[in-house]
Amino acid sequence: MLWQAASSPQAAFYPPLAYIDDITIFSQDFELHLIHLTTVLTGARAAEGGGRRYQSIGFPTEENQEQRELARMNFLLLALVFLLQGINRSRSQDEDFQFCAERNQTQRSYLVGEFHKENITIDNSADKLMIKAPFIPGNTNESLPDHLGIYHFCLYVYQRSGFFNITYGKSNYTLSRNVNSSLHSLRADPPRNSSLIPMLFNVSYTYEKGQKNALSSAVNYSFSFKGRENTDQGVQVHDIEHELSNLAKFMKTPTMPSGRTGSSRSQYKKLLHLEGKLEKVQFEGESKAFKETTISATVWKIGPNKASQNLSFTSEWETGKKVHRFEMNMPSVVFAKAKGRGKAAETRVLLVEINSQSLFQDQNNSHVLGEKVIGISVANTVVSHLPQNLVLTFFHDQLLRNETPQCVFWDVNTNDGSGSWSDIGCTTEKGNEQTTCHCNHLTYFAVLMVSSPEIDYIHQQYLTIITYIGCIISAVASVFTIFFLHSRKKHRDHAVNISIHINLLSAIFLLDVSFLINKHLDSMHSEAACKTGAIFLHFSLLSCLTWMGIEGYNLYRLVVEVFNSYFEHFILKLCLVGWGLPTFLVAVIFLTDRTNYGSFQIAVFESLDRSTNETICWITKPLIHNMVNLGFLSLVFLFNSVMLAAMIREILRQNKRGHASCHELPLHHHQLPPRLLHFPLVLDNGAAGQKVTPFPEQL
């Protein structure tokens, strides 16, 4: 058997030699065994040509059997060495980080690899699976399998060999051969979700042979690594104090303007750097507190004997601040999750209290209650989707009526890496002087003050129903009032007043009707119909405001301008103003730019970061709405206020005269023609019983 193997093709021996040269791990003893074995087998092969050859190489013929046994033993020894080296090689290739998920491929897709300075990011979309990492040398673009369906894929990071590859179904792709072996601890941010992009599902990850951690279905996942800093020497207490002092000085400097993505990342990176040092700081006892003016930190050592207990913490009472103190209650399931990672006998819990919002500036310039931000984390463990929520309670002063507290956390992966506040995974329990946050993950938390006038989804539905009912009642009442006034218009008295009232009611009726049909015009998805509805609604609104101003002038005319209150074609002139001025304004706006009227969207908020758009046919540019509508309303209000002041002044002047003019007796309205309404008729004391009437020719 041995001779047949030796006389077989040379591949029986040279592949093991090539394999050994490839792994370059053997010791010199193994090399000597191999050389000796090769020499023995070479001599054995020469024995096939005749017995004399054995003596030519120095091997007596009677010792052939002994040499064969020795060769066989060496061969078995070599096979055992190969087996052990293969096992050792497989162990050395255990992944340091593994991310697995399932992806539903619905169209032709590509695998895109890009360089990212700080973390590993997995971002899914319908046409590509994008992987970003610090050790990808450049942009890569590989076609994924053409077959559509659900694929299982995994990312692997091998720090020992430097490989970073991905298996997608039965395909394998190498993204990098230069993984930084100094990568040490892992931190994962909560995954981001989207209702428009296909999500990854059955997601899990492992790190350093730890417990498999399941993640929720999402479209984006991010993992940050930190280097081995001061691993040998450890981090001392004075290092943490120095780090906090530098951070406190940094937060006192003026914050940069919004729109600075790079600065936001660097600011958040300072906190991650602080957490990395807190994880390794050396101190005696079960906890250690560090305090500066604007930032403080507390570290707990949770041993196995306390891993089954909840961790509670209450801060000191602070007077003169909006947030006086806070309480934290961390469930014990957090420590069970950390224990699954193995290795360490104790678990470190980090709490960072920040009294400045300078490190958490978003594009919306959001206002945090008392600028109090609380960061909670567990060393080297990503904590998310807890079965029992973390409870964080903020004690504060009584809030204003227009302020609504909202529990949020800082999501660094939003706004192209600049970060923003999000309420995903957190619920808010409101109280008079306290706000309690229930969250299923650990990160940086705060209470956001929402005081904007946006409408939430539930209230929007109720307000819509109330508005429709109110418009219907108003329209019906306007029609009945118009018919009632029209029946009284047959009498010649009050003819002018009744005509003005009817025109105002007609404008109100048009406004109600145009508002009721506006939503239906928008649902027709016709641009011409929507523009027409917007123009009609704007015209009706301006007509109502104009006739309100005319009503104010008419009252002034009746009270103050008694003797000079007659105008020829008075109603016609009022109609030209009441209906002509709105027509002129609407025509100018439309002819200036036809896009000024159309579909206008109003944000209706379902939650803090999730909203829907309610559309209405209206003015598309807010500047025109503010200048024309609000400006015209202000002018009408000012005009009617002046008219009211003039009437009050005239009434007070008449009261001062008292009964000095008691001989002035006003005629009843039916005794004079309409043009002489409210004109007084005076009796002359000199001529008893004689009536003196001005302008007798007009009677």
Foldseek 3Di string as FASTA:
>chain_A
DVLVLLPPPPVSPVVVVVVCVVVVPDDVVLVVLVVVLVVLSVQVNVCVVDQVSCVVVPHHPVCNVVSVVVSVVSVVVVVVVVVVVVVVVVVLQPFQKKKKWKFFAPAWAKEKEAEDCWWWKWFDFNHYTYTYYNAQPHIDIGTDDGDGGMWMKMWTARLSQQWTWMDTHNDIGTRHRHHHNQWDFKEKDAAAADPPGGWIQQIWMAGRPFDIGTHHIHRMIIMGTDGCDCVPPWAEPVNLQVLVVVLVVVLVDDADDPPDLPVLLVLVVSVVVSVVNLQGYDDDDQKDKADDDFKIKMKGKAAPVRLQDWDKDKDQADPPFFWGIKIKTGHSVVSVQVCRRPDDRIKMKMKMWGQACSSPAHPVRWDFGSNIKIAIDITRGWFAQAPFWIKMKTFGAFDDPLKDKAKWFWDQPPPVRSIDTDQVQWDWDDDRGMIMITGRTGGMMTIIIDRDPAAADVVVVVVVVVLLVVLVVLLVVLVVVLVVLVVVCVDQACVLVSLLSNQLSVLSNQLSVLVVCFLVQVVVVDFVSLQVSQLSNQLSLQLNLLSLLVNLVVVLCVQPVQPPNDDPPVSVVSCCRSRVVSVVVSVVQCVVDVLQWGKAWGWHHNDDPDTDTDIGTHGHDVVCCCCPVVVSNVVSVVSSVVSVVVNVVSVVVVVVCPCVVVQWDADDQVVDGRRNPPPIWGDDPVDPPDTDDPPPVRD
